[in-house]
Every structure is written in C-alpha cells, then in structure tokens.
Amino acid sequence: MATKAKSSKSKSKSKSKSKSQDVEKLILEEEEELKEDSREELKAEVRNLEIPAPKICKLTCRIGGPSLITNPMSPKALQEYEDIYITKKTPKPKGSLVPARDPEEEWEGSLHIINKKKKIYGFPALGIKECIVRAFDGSGIYMTVARRLFDVIPQHPYEGKTIPELVKIDYTHLEKRRDRVIMNRSTPSLAYRCQFIDWTADLEIQFDADIIQLNILLPFIVKAGFSVGIGCWTPMKKGSHGKFTLHDAGKLVEVFDSSKNTFIT
C-alpha cells in the first residue's frame, strides 16, 4: 500500500511539474508575440516619422582687435616630443647644458603660416570656436552643448597641407616680442613670439537657427571678444591681448536646401 501511495504522489508531482512548465512556455510565447508586435509598431512609427529639415544658416562677420599674440607648438618642439615618445630617446638629464636658442627660428615657429613668401598668416578656426564656447560659461547653457550649436568654418590650410584649418588674419604690422615667462611654475625663461597689431579676421559661422537664433549667438561672440580672447596672454590668462570686437555682422544666408536635402554650395 505504501509503495502505491508513493508512486501516486510521484505521478501527481510529475504532472504538476509538466503543467507548470507548459504554463511557463505559454507565458514566454505570449511575451515573444508582444515583443514582436511592439517591434512592428515601432518600425511603423519610424517609417511614418517626419523630421523637419534643419535650418542651417551661415553668418559672415568680421572680428578684430589691437593685439594678437600667437604661439603654436613649433616643428622643433614637436620633433623633440617625437624623439622622446616615439623613438624612445632619453631626455637630457637635469643640469646638462641647454643648447643655444635661435630667436628668429622661434619667432617664425610662433606663426600659423598660410603662405610664407607672401607673409599670409592665420589662426585656427577651432581656437576661435573654443573662445566663443567659453563665453557660454555661466549662461545656463553647458559648454558641451554650446559646442554643438555652431561651427566656425576654416578657410585656409597650413602651408604645405591641403585640409583647411585656419582663418586668415589681416594686420597692419607684425612685431617680434621677447617676454619673460615662468616655466614649470619656478624657472624664469624667455618666450619669442610674434604679435599682430590692428588685426582683423573674416569669419564664416554655421548654426542651426531652429536651435539657436542669431540674436542669441551674436551677444556671445561679443562677450567672447571682451572676456575670453584668442591666442596668448588673453583675459583668461591674466593678460589683455587677443581681445576683439564685432566689426561687421555681415549677411546671413541659409545654406541647407530642404527641398533637395543638400547643402547649397
């Protein structure tokens, strides 16, 4: 009798287990069907989604100021870094004799050269953009967001290169500066840098007018010229150089043809 009772119990357990497995299987199948239905609905929504064409506009304007000091990393300095980090040459030990410096070479290395013979120089478009972006600090618009609102279009490449990275700088006079600087917060040294006197630059700025309007963007350009500046020894670096004013707001044109979904050249 006991064996019969045990066998009946085991049979009932196996039946209940199979029933629960069947129920779980049905639930899983229903969930998969719901997921598939939601996928199809999402696909249909995406197919029917209408995204309005962006209103990309181009602003041409002129900025300028009394003084601009430039100082990019010279080819010689780049070569020294490459010797240390790429070819694994050991740097010179402390206390060793420092090689003689060539001021003329350093003055030339402080320029962003477009055409050396014609004495045409420029400034990085990204540097001007970053200057305007920093003006958004404290405005309630994060600088990470501001970087996506507009773009300063480069117009000229570096001499010997093909990809535009620079905005041309017009100037009345180019001076060669020799300034005392502090290296590594303790060691005094000299910096040989060029200074543009009474400089101007024509900018092309593209922005989405549906996100940021011109009457909002222009004050930030003015603020950037007053409180941020470009180049060396700017207001943000305890100096007064690199400041600029907005000379001419120029014209505003729409550069995206929404009917053809292409940019107008």
C-alpha atoms as a PDB file:
ATOM      1  CA  MET A   1       0.000   0.000   0.000  1.00  0.00           C
ATOM      2  CA  ALA A   2       2.841   2.289   0.905  1.00  0.00           C
ATOM      3  CA  THR A   3       4.536   1.759  -2.449  1.00  0.00           C
ATOM      4  CA  LYS A   4       1.297   2.515  -4.289  1.00  0.00           C
ATOM      5  CA  ALA A   5       0.872   5.750  -2.335  1.00  0.00           C
ATOM      6  CA  LYS A   6       4.454   6.802  -3.122  1.00  0.00           C
ATOM      7  CA  SER A   7       4.004   6.079  -6.829  1.00  0.00           C
ATOM      8  CA  SER A   8       0.750   8.078  -6.951  1.00  0.00           C
ATOM      9  CA  LYS A   9       2.463  11.007  -5.203  1.00  0.00           C
ATOM     10  CA  SER A  10       5.377  10.935  -7.655  1.00  0.00           C
ATOM     11  CA  LYS A  11       2.959  10.806 -10.590  1.00  0.00           C
ATOM     12  CA  SER A  12       0.994  13.814  -9.277  1.00  0.00           C
ATOM     13  CA  LYS A  13       4.257  15.737  -8.754  1.00  0.00           C
ATOM     14  CA  SER A  14       5.417  14.971 -12.298  1.00  0.00           C
ATOM     15  CA  LYS A  15       2.023  16.058 -13.673  1.00  0.00           C
ATOM     16  CA  SER A  16       2.071  19.353 -11.737  1.00  0.00           C
ATOM     17  CA  LYS A  17       5.657  19.965 -12.854  1.00  0.00           C
ATOM     18  CA  SER A  18       4.778  19.390 -16.509  1.00  0.00           C
ATOM     19  CA  LYS A  19       1.754  21.670 -16.137  1.00  0.00           C
ATOM     20  CA  SER A  20       3.898  24.459 -14.670  1.00  0.00           C
ATOM     21  CA  GLN A  21       6.406  24.016 -17.495  1.00  0.00           C
ATOM     22  CA  ASP A  22       3.605  24.273 -20.031  1.00  0.00           C
ATOM     23  CA  VAL A  23       2.319  27.442 -18.354  1.00  0.00           C
ATOM     24  CA  GLU A  24       5.833  28.991 -18.389  1.00  0.00           C
ATOM     25  CA  LYS A  25       6.190  28.072 -22.043  1.00  0.00           C
ATOM     26  CA  LEU A  26       2.852  29.727 -22.874  1.00  0.00           C
ATOM     27  CA  ILE A  27       3.857  32.860 -20.958  1.00  0.00           C
ATOM     28  CA  LEU A  28       7.172  33.035 -22.809  1.00  0.00           C
ATOM     29  CA  GLU A  29       5.434  32.585 -26.165  1.00  0.00           C
ATOM     30  CA  GLU A  30       2.954  35.358 -25.340  1.00  0.00           C
ATOM     31  CA  GLU A  31       5.799  37.652 -24.269  1.00  0.00           C
ATOM     32  CA  GLU A  32       7.645  36.976 -27.545  1.00  0.00           C
ATOM     33  CA  GLU A  33       4.468  37.733 -29.516  1.00  0.00           C
ATOM     34  CA  LEU A  34       4.030  41.015 -27.613  1.00  0.00           C
ATOM     35  CA  LYS A  35       7.669  41.928 -28.243  1.00  0.00           C
ATOM     36  CA  GLU A  36       7.269  41.180 -31.930  1.00  0.00           C
ATOM     37  CA  ASP A  37       4.096  43.241 -32.102  1.00  0.00           C
ATOM     38  CA  SER A  38       5.838  46.164 -30.345  1.00  0.00           C
ATOM     39  CA  ARG A  39       8.766  45.881 -32.751  1.00  0.00           C
ATOM     40  CA  GLU A  40       6.434  46.069 -35.726  1.00  0.00           C
ATOM     41  CA  GLU A  41       4.609  49.043 -34.204  1.00  0.00           C
ATOM     42  CA  LEU A  42       7.939  50.796 -33.581  1.00  0.00           C
ATOM     43  CA  LYS A  43       9.041  50.122 -37.175  1.00  0.00           C
ATOM     44  CA  ALA A  44       5.764  51.556 -38.453  1.00  0.00           C
ATOM     45  CA  GLU A  45       6.201  54.641 -36.273  1.00  0.00           C
ATOM     46  CA  VAL A  46       9.777  55.127 -37.555  1.00  0.00           C
ATOM     47  CA  ARG A  47       8.609  54.740 -41.163  1.00  0.00           C
ATOM     48  CA  ASN A  48       5.920  57.365 -40.631  1.00  0.00           C
ATOM     49  CA  LEU A  49       8.211  59.664 -38.640  1.00  0.00           C
ATOM     50  CA  GLU A  50       8.673  63.074 -40.233  1.00  0.00           C
ATOM     51  CA  ILE A  51      11.785  65.009 -39.191  1.00  0.00           C
ATOM     52  CA  PRO A  52      11.748  68.657 -40.233  1.00  0.00           C
ATOM     53  CA  ALA A  53      14.747  69.763 -42.289  1.00  0.00           C
ATOM     54  CA  PRO A  54      17.309  71.701 -40.247  1.00  0.00           C
ATOM     55  CA  LYS A  55      17.534  75.419 -40.798  1.00  0.00           C
ATOM     56  CA  ILE A  56      21.308  75.610 -41.193  1.00  0.00           C
ATOM     57  CA  CYS A  57      22.396  79.209 -41.690  1.00  0.00           C
ATOM     58  CA  LYS A  58      25.749  80.822 -42.412  1.00  0.00           C
ATOM     59  CA  LEU A  59      26.767  84.101 -40.846  1.00  0.00           C
ATOM     60  CA  THR A  60      29.662  86.076 -42.317  1.00  0.00           C
ATOM     61  CA  CYS A  61      31.143  88.554 -39.874  1.00  0.00           C
ATOM     62  CA  ARG A  62      34.377  90.402 -39.159  1.00  0.00           C
ATOM     63  CA  ILE A  63      36.162  90.493 -35.836  1.00  0.00           C
ATOM     64  CA  GLY A  64      39.290  92.414 -34.917  1.00  0.00           C
ATOM     65  CA  GLY A  65      41.390  93.853 -32.157  1.00  0.00           C
ATOM     66  CA  PRO A  66      44.508  95.865 -31.350  1.00  0.00           C
ATOM     67  CA  SER A  67      46.819  92.957 -30.438  1.00  0.00           C
ATOM     68  CA  LEU A  68      47.069  89.211 -31.038  1.00  0.00           C
ATOM     69  CA  ILE A  69      49.965  87.015 -29.869  1.00  0.00           C
ATOM     70  CA  THR A  70      50.216  83.524 -31.371  1.00  0.00           C
ATOM     71  CA  ASN A  71      52.348  80.635 -30.182  1.00  0.00           C
ATOM     72  CA  PRO A  72      51.600  77.184 -31.619  1.00  0.00           C
ATOM     73  CA  MET A  73      53.880  74.253 -30.869  1.00  0.00           C
ATOM     74  CA  SER A  74      56.805  74.678 -33.270  1.00  0.00           C
ATOM     75  CA  PRO A  75      58.005  71.851 -35.573  1.00  0.00           C
ATOM     76  CA  LYS A  76      61.209  71.674 -33.493  1.00  0.00           C
ATOM     77  CA  ALA A  77      59.241  71.119 -30.266  1.00  0.00           C
ATOM     78  CA  LEU A  78      57.077  68.501 -31.976  1.00  0.00           C
ATOM     79  CA  GLN A  79      60.232  66.707 -33.140  1.00  0.00           C
ATOM     80  CA  GLU A  80      61.611  66.718 -29.595  1.00  0.00           C
ATOM     81  CA  TYR A  81      58.401  65.124 -28.275  1.00  0.00           C
ATOM     82  CA  GLU A  82      58.502  62.577 -31.065  1.00  0.00           C
ATOM     83  CA  ASP A  83      62.109  61.708 -30.237  1.00  0.00           C
ATOM     84  CA  ILE A  84      61.121  61.037 -26.615  1.00  0.00           C
ATOM     85  CA  TYR A  85      57.815  59.204 -27.044  1.00  0.00           C
ATOM     86  CA  ILE A  86      58.132  57.513 -30.437  1.00  0.00           C
ATOM     87  CA  THR A  87      61.819  56.745 -30.984  1.00  0.00           C
ATOM     88  CA  LYS A  88      62.278  56.347 -27.191  1.00  0.00           C
ATOM     89  CA  LYS A  89      65.281  58.656 -26.970  1.00  0.00           C
ATOM     90  CA  THR A  90      66.047  59.557 -23.367  1.00  0.00           C
ATOM     91  CA  PRO A  91      65.606  63.231 -22.463  1.00  0.00           C
ATOM     92  CA  LYS A  92      68.672  65.204 -21.440  1.00  0.00           C
ATOM     93  CA  PRO A  93      69.473  64.884 -17.728  1.00  0.00           C
ATOM     94  CA  LYS A  94      68.960  67.806 -15.382  1.00  0.00           C
ATOM     95  CA  GLY A  95      71.974  70.059 -15.074  1.00  0.00           C
ATOM     96  CA  SER A  96      73.175  69.402 -18.629  1.00  0.00           C
ATOM     97  CA  LEU A  97      73.977  72.308 -20.915  1.00  0.00           C
ATOM     98  CA  VAL A  98      70.950  73.764 -22.701  1.00  0.00           C
ATOM     99  CA  PRO A  99      71.505  74.151 -26.483  1.00  0.00           C
ATOM    100  CA  ALA A 100      71.655  77.705 -27.825  1.00  0.00           C
ATOM    101  CA  ARG A 101      68.277  79.093 -28.887  1.00  0.00           C
ATOM    102  CA  ASP A 102      67.584  80.747 -32.220  1.00  0.00           C
ATOM    103  CA  PRO A 103      65.143  83.674 -31.697  1.00  0.00           C
ATOM    104  CA  GLU A 104      64.439  84.035 -35.434  1.00  0.00           C
ATOM    105  CA  GLU A 105      63.506  80.365 -35.668  1.00  0.00           C
ATOM    106  CA  GLU A 106      61.258  80.634 -32.633  1.00  0.00           C
ATOM    107  CA  TRP A 107      59.581  83.801 -33.937  1.00  0.00           C
ATOM    108  CA  GLU A 108      58.795  82.015 -37.192  1.00  0.00           C
ATOM    109  CA  GLY A 109      57.625  78.940 -35.258  1.00  0.00           C
ATOM    110  CA  SER A 110      55.110  81.078 -33.362  1.00  0.00           C
ATOM    111  CA  LEU A 111      53.121  81.748 -36.540  1.00  0.00           C
ATOM    112  CA  HIS A 112      50.350  79.758 -38.220  1.00  0.00           C
ATOM    113  CA  ILE A 113      51.720  80.053 -41.748  1.00  0.00           C
ATOM    114  CA  ILE A 114      49.424  80.024 -44.798  1.00  0.00           C
ATOM    115  CA  ASN A 115      51.935  81.436 -47.298  1.00  0.00           C
ATOM    116  CA  LYS A 116      55.417  82.270 -46.033  1.00  0.00           C
ATOM    117  CA  LYS A 117      56.595  84.236 -49.101  1.00  0.00           C
ATOM    118  CA  LYS A 118      53.522  86.472 -49.167  1.00  0.00           C
ATOM    119  CA  LYS A 119      53.530  86.770 -45.352  1.00  0.00           C
ATOM    120  CA  ILE A 120      49.986  85.433 -45.067  1.00  0.00           C
ATOM    121  CA  TYR A 121      49.185  84.019 -41.650  1.00  0.00           C
ATOM    122  CA  GLY A 122      46.135  82.683 -39.891  1.00  0.00           C
ATOM    123  CA  PHE A 123      44.633  81.425 -36.660  1.00  0.00           C
ATOM    124  CA  PRO A 124      42.992  78.011 -36.027  1.00  0.00           C
ATOM    125  CA  ALA A 125      39.222  78.073 -36.601  1.00  0.00           C
ATOM    126  CA  LEU A 126      38.823  75.645 -33.689  1.00  0.00           C
ATOM    127  CA  GLY A 127      40.600  78.126 -31.412  1.00  0.00           C
ATOM    128  CA  ILE A 128      38.123  80.870 -32.329  1.00  0.00           C
ATOM    129  CA  LYS A 129      35.211  78.478 -31.821  1.00  0.00           C
ATOM    130  CA  GLU A 130      36.524  77.439 -28.396  1.00  0.00           C
ATOM    131  CA  CYS A 131      36.830  81.108 -27.456  1.00  0.00           C
ATOM    132  CA  ILE A 132      33.124  81.656 -28.246  1.00  0.00           C
ATOM    133  CA  VAL A 133      32.166  78.412 -26.469  1.00  0.00           C
ATOM    134  CA  ARG A 134      33.867  79.591 -23.271  1.00  0.00           C
ATOM    135  CA  ALA A 135      31.684  82.701 -23.355  1.00  0.00           C
ATOM    136  CA  PHE A 136      28.681  80.406 -22.671  1.00  0.00           C
ATOM    137  CA  ASP A 137      30.090  79.585 -19.223  1.00  0.00           C
ATOM    138  CA  GLY A 138      27.672  80.796 -16.564  1.00  0.00           C
ATOM    139  CA  SER A 139      24.882  81.465 -19.058  1.00  0.00           C
ATOM    140  CA  GLY A 140      22.837  78.373 -18.190  1.00  0.00           C
ATOM    141  CA  ILE A 141      23.939  76.613 -21.415  1.00  0.00           C
ATOM    142  CA  TYR A 142      26.602  73.994 -20.793  1.00  0.00           C
ATOM    143  CA  MET A 143      29.768  74.408 -22.864  1.00  0.00           C
ATOM    144  CA  THR A 144      29.457  70.780 -24.045  1.00  0.00           C
ATOM    145  CA  VAL A 145      26.063  71.722 -25.505  1.00  0.00           C
ATOM    146  CA  ALA A 146      27.346  75.032 -26.911  1.00  0.00           C
ATOM    147  CA  ARG A 147      29.994  73.201 -28.968  1.00  0.00           C
ATOM    148  CA  ARG A 148      27.195  71.514 -30.917  1.00  0.00           C
ATOM    149  CA  LEU A 149      25.223  74.696 -31.600  1.00  0.00           C
ATOM    150  CA  PHE A 150      27.559  76.303 -34.145  1.00  0.00           C
ATOM    151  CA  ASP A 151      30.788  75.881 -36.072  1.00  0.00           C
ATOM    152  CA  VAL A 152      33.497  78.284 -37.259  1.00  0.00           C
ATOM    153  CA  ILE A 153      34.401  77.210 -40.796  1.00  0.00           C
ATOM    154  CA  PRO A 154      38.148  77.020 -41.596  1.00  0.00           C
ATOM    155  CA  GLN A 155      39.080  78.639 -44.910  1.00  0.00           C
ATOM    156  CA  HIS A 156      42.821  78.047 -45.425  1.00  0.00           C
ATOM    157  CA  PRO A 157      45.209  75.121 -44.864  1.00  0.00           C
ATOM    158  CA  TYR A 158      48.635  75.324 -43.291  1.00  0.00           C
ATOM    159  CA  GLU A 159      51.380  75.851 -45.856  1.00  0.00           C
ATOM    160  CA  GLY A 160      52.209  72.516 -47.475  1.00  0.00           C
ATOM    161  CA  LYS A 161      48.920  70.899 -46.395  1.00  0.00           C
ATOM    162  CA  THR A 162      45.544  70.511 -48.094  1.00  0.00           C
ATOM    163  CA  ILE A 163      42.875  70.360 -45.370  1.00  0.00           C
ATOM    164  CA  PRO A 164      41.681  73.835 -44.251  1.00  0.00           C
ATOM    165  CA  GLU A 165      42.244  74.509 -40.550  1.00  0.00           C
ATOM    166  CA  LEU A 166      42.910  78.250 -40.397  1.00  0.00           C
ATOM    167  CA  VAL A 167      41.116  81.580 -40.643  1.00  0.00           C
ATOM    168  CA  LYS A 168      43.198  84.265 -42.370  1.00  0.00           C
ATOM    169  CA  ILE A 169      44.457  87.135 -40.202  1.00  0.00           C
ATOM    170  CA  ASP A 170      44.805  90.588 -41.781  1.00  0.00           C
ATOM    171  CA  TYR A 171      47.066  93.006 -39.928  1.00  0.00           C
ATOM    172  CA  THR A 172      48.810  96.365 -40.262  1.00  0.00           C
ATOM    173  CA  HIS A 173      52.075  95.379 -38.580  1.00  0.00           C
ATOM    174  CA  LEU A 174      53.817  92.265 -37.246  1.00  0.00           C
ATOM    175  CA  GLU A 175      56.087  92.673 -34.235  1.00  0.00           C
ATOM    176  CA  LYS A 176      58.590  90.261 -32.729  1.00  0.00           C
ATOM    177  CA  ARG A 177      58.153  90.024 -28.969  1.00  0.00           C
ATOM    178  CA  ARG A 178      60.566  88.864 -26.293  1.00  0.00           C
ATOM    179  CA  ASP A 179      58.782  88.191 -22.999  1.00  0.00           C
ATOM    180  CA  ARG A 180      59.873  86.885 -19.648  1.00  0.00           C
ATOM    181  CA  VAL A 181      57.897  83.788 -18.709  1.00  0.00           C
ATOM    182  CA  ILE A 182      57.939  81.264 -15.867  1.00  0.00           C
ATOM    183  CA  MET A 183      58.466  77.615 -16.808  1.00  0.00           C
ATOM    184  CA  ASN A 184      57.170  74.828 -14.553  1.00  0.00           C
ATOM    185  CA  ARG A 185      55.964  77.467 -12.057  1.00  0.00           C
ATOM    186  CA  SER A 186      59.501  78.240 -10.918  1.00  0.00           C
ATOM    187  CA  THR A 187      62.091  78.637 -13.698  1.00  0.00           C
ATOM    188  CA  PRO A 188      62.312  82.021 -15.471  1.00  0.00           C
ATOM    189  CA  SER A 189      62.803  81.949 -19.215  1.00  0.00           C
ATOM    190  CA  LEU A 190      62.236  83.935 -22.414  1.00  0.00           C
ATOM    191  CA  ALA A 191      59.454  83.444 -24.941  1.00  0.00           C
ATOM    192  CA  TYR A 192      59.963  84.616 -28.517  1.00  0.00           C
ATOM    193  CA  ARG A 193      56.539  85.195 -30.074  1.00  0.00           C
ATOM    194  CA  CYS A 194      55.041  87.249 -32.876  1.00  0.00           C
ATOM    195  CA  GLN A 195      52.347  89.857 -32.279  1.00  0.00           C
ATOM    196  CA  PHE A 196      49.780  91.061 -34.817  1.00  0.00           C
ATOM    197  CA  ILE A 197      48.964  94.785 -34.491  1.00  0.00           C
ATOM    198  CA  ASP A 198      45.489  96.026 -35.502  1.00  0.00           C
ATOM    199  CA  TRP A 199      44.330  92.664 -36.783  1.00  0.00           C
ATOM    200  CA  THR A 200      41.037  91.549 -38.337  1.00  0.00           C
ATOM    201  CA  ALA A 201      39.589  88.217 -39.441  1.00  0.00           C
ATOM    202  CA  ASP A 202      36.568  87.394 -41.606  1.00  0.00           C
ATOM    203  CA  LEU A 203      34.602  84.518 -40.101  1.00  0.00           C
ATOM    204  CA  GLU A 204      32.045  82.108 -41.537  1.00  0.00           C
ATOM    205  CA  ILE A 205      29.867  80.678 -38.788  1.00  0.00           C
ATOM    206  CA  GLN A 206      27.298  77.961 -39.434  1.00  0.00           C
ATOM    207  CA  PHE A 207      24.488  77.299 -36.947  1.00  0.00           C
ATOM    208  CA  ASP A 208      21.044  75.707 -36.743  1.00  0.00           C
ATOM    209  CA  ALA A 209      18.624  78.622 -36.496  1.00  0.00           C
ATOM    210  CA  ASP A 210      15.910  76.308 -35.117  1.00  0.00           C
ATOM    211  CA  ILE A 211      18.069  75.670 -32.036  1.00  0.00           C
ATOM    212  CA  ILE A 212      19.904  78.959 -31.513  1.00  0.00           C
ATOM    213  CA  GLN A 213      18.805  82.240 -33.043  1.00  0.00           C
ATOM    214  CA  LEU A 214      21.147  84.903 -34.394  1.00  0.00           C
ATOM    215  CA  ASN A 215      20.111  87.455 -31.766  1.00  0.00           C
ATOM    216  CA  ILE A 216      21.282  84.967 -29.102  1.00  0.00           C
ATOM    217  CA  LEU A 217      24.526  83.910 -30.808  1.00  0.00           C
ATOM    218  CA  LEU A 218      25.835  87.425 -31.569  1.00  0.00           C
ATOM    219  CA  PRO A 219      25.989  88.586 -27.922  1.00  0.00           C
ATOM    220  CA  PHE A 220      28.096  85.525 -27.069  1.00  0.00           C
ATOM    221  CA  ILE A 221      30.561  86.453 -29.844  1.00  0.00           C
ATOM    222  CA  VAL A 222      30.795  89.963 -28.374  1.00  0.00           C
ATOM    223  CA  LYS A 223      31.219  88.549 -24.855  1.00  0.00           C
ATOM    224  CA  ALA A 224      33.936  86.153 -26.080  1.00  0.00           C
ATOM    225  CA  GLY A 225      35.907  89.028 -27.569  1.00  0.00           C
ATOM    226  CA  PHE A 226      35.705  91.040 -24.360  1.00  0.00           C
ATOM    227  CA  SER A 227      36.248  88.457 -21.612  1.00  0.00           C
ATOM    228  CA  VAL A 228      37.921  85.423 -23.245  1.00  0.00           C
ATOM    229  CA  GLY A 229      40.094  86.356 -26.244  1.00  0.00           C
ATOM    230  CA  ILE A 230      42.229  84.231 -28.573  1.00  0.00           C
ATOM    231  CA  GLY A 231      45.938  83.462 -28.646  1.00  0.00           C
ATOM    232  CA  CYS A 232      48.380  84.103 -25.766  1.00  0.00           C
ATOM    233  CA  TRP A 233      48.188  86.374 -22.717  1.00  0.00           C
ATOM    234  CA  THR A 234      44.421  86.791 -23.006  1.00  0.00           C
ATOM    235  CA  PRO A 235      41.990  87.995 -20.296  1.00  0.00           C
ATOM    236  CA  MET A 236      41.590  84.376 -19.207  1.00  0.00           C
ATOM    237  CA  LYS A 237      45.395  84.138 -18.791  1.00  0.00           C
ATOM    238  CA  LYS A 238      45.972  87.318 -16.769  1.00  0.00           C
ATOM    239  CA  GLY A 239      46.561  89.405 -19.890  1.00  0.00           C
ATOM    240  CA  SER A 240      44.820  91.841 -22.193  1.00  0.00           C
ATOM    241  CA  HIS A 241      45.853  90.579 -25.640  1.00  0.00           C
ATOM    242  CA  GLY A 242      43.670  88.630 -28.063  1.00  0.00           C
ATOM    243  CA  LYS A 243      40.569  90.691 -27.258  1.00  0.00           C
ATOM    244  CA  PHE A 244      38.331  91.544 -30.205  1.00  0.00           C
ATOM    245  CA  THR A 245      35.158  93.355 -31.136  1.00  0.00           C
ATOM    246  CA  LEU A 246      32.495  92.517 -33.703  1.00  0.00           C
ATOM    247  CA  HIS A 247      33.197  94.959 -36.529  1.00  0.00           C
ATOM    248  CA  ASP A 248      30.558  93.833 -39.006  1.00  0.00           C
ATOM    249  CA  ALA A 249      27.786  91.255 -38.641  1.00  0.00           C
ATOM    250  CA  GLY A 250      27.738  90.889 -42.444  1.00  0.00           C
ATOM    251  CA  LYS A 251      24.990  88.872 -44.049  1.00  0.00           C
ATOM    252  CA  LEU A 252      23.006  85.812 -43.072  1.00  0.00           C
ATOM    253  CA  VAL A 253      22.141  83.138 -45.637  1.00  0.00           C
ATOM    254  CA  GLU A 254      20.507  79.730 -45.392  1.00  0.00           C
ATOM    255  CA  VAL A 255      22.931  77.076 -46.609  1.00  0.00           C
ATOM    256  CA  PHE A 256      20.716  73.970 -46.445  1.00  0.00           C
ATOM    257  CA  ASP A 257      18.243  73.370 -49.287  1.00  0.00           C
ATOM    258  CA  SER A 258      15.393  71.490 -47.575  1.00  0.00           C
ATOM    259  CA  SER A 259      13.680  70.707 -50.897  1.00  0.00           C
ATOM    260  CA  LYS A 260      16.758  68.859 -52.195  1.00  0.00           C
ATOM    261  CA  ASN A 261      18.025  67.769 -48.768  1.00  0.00           C
ATOM    262  CA  THR A 262      21.513  69.052 -49.641  1.00  0.00           C
ATOM    263  CA  PHE A 263      23.800  71.892 -48.675  1.00  0.00           C
ATOM    264  CA  ILE A 264      23.946  74.853 -51.042  1.00  0.00           C
ATOM    265  CA  THR A 265      27.493  75.392 -52.252  1.00  0.00           C
END
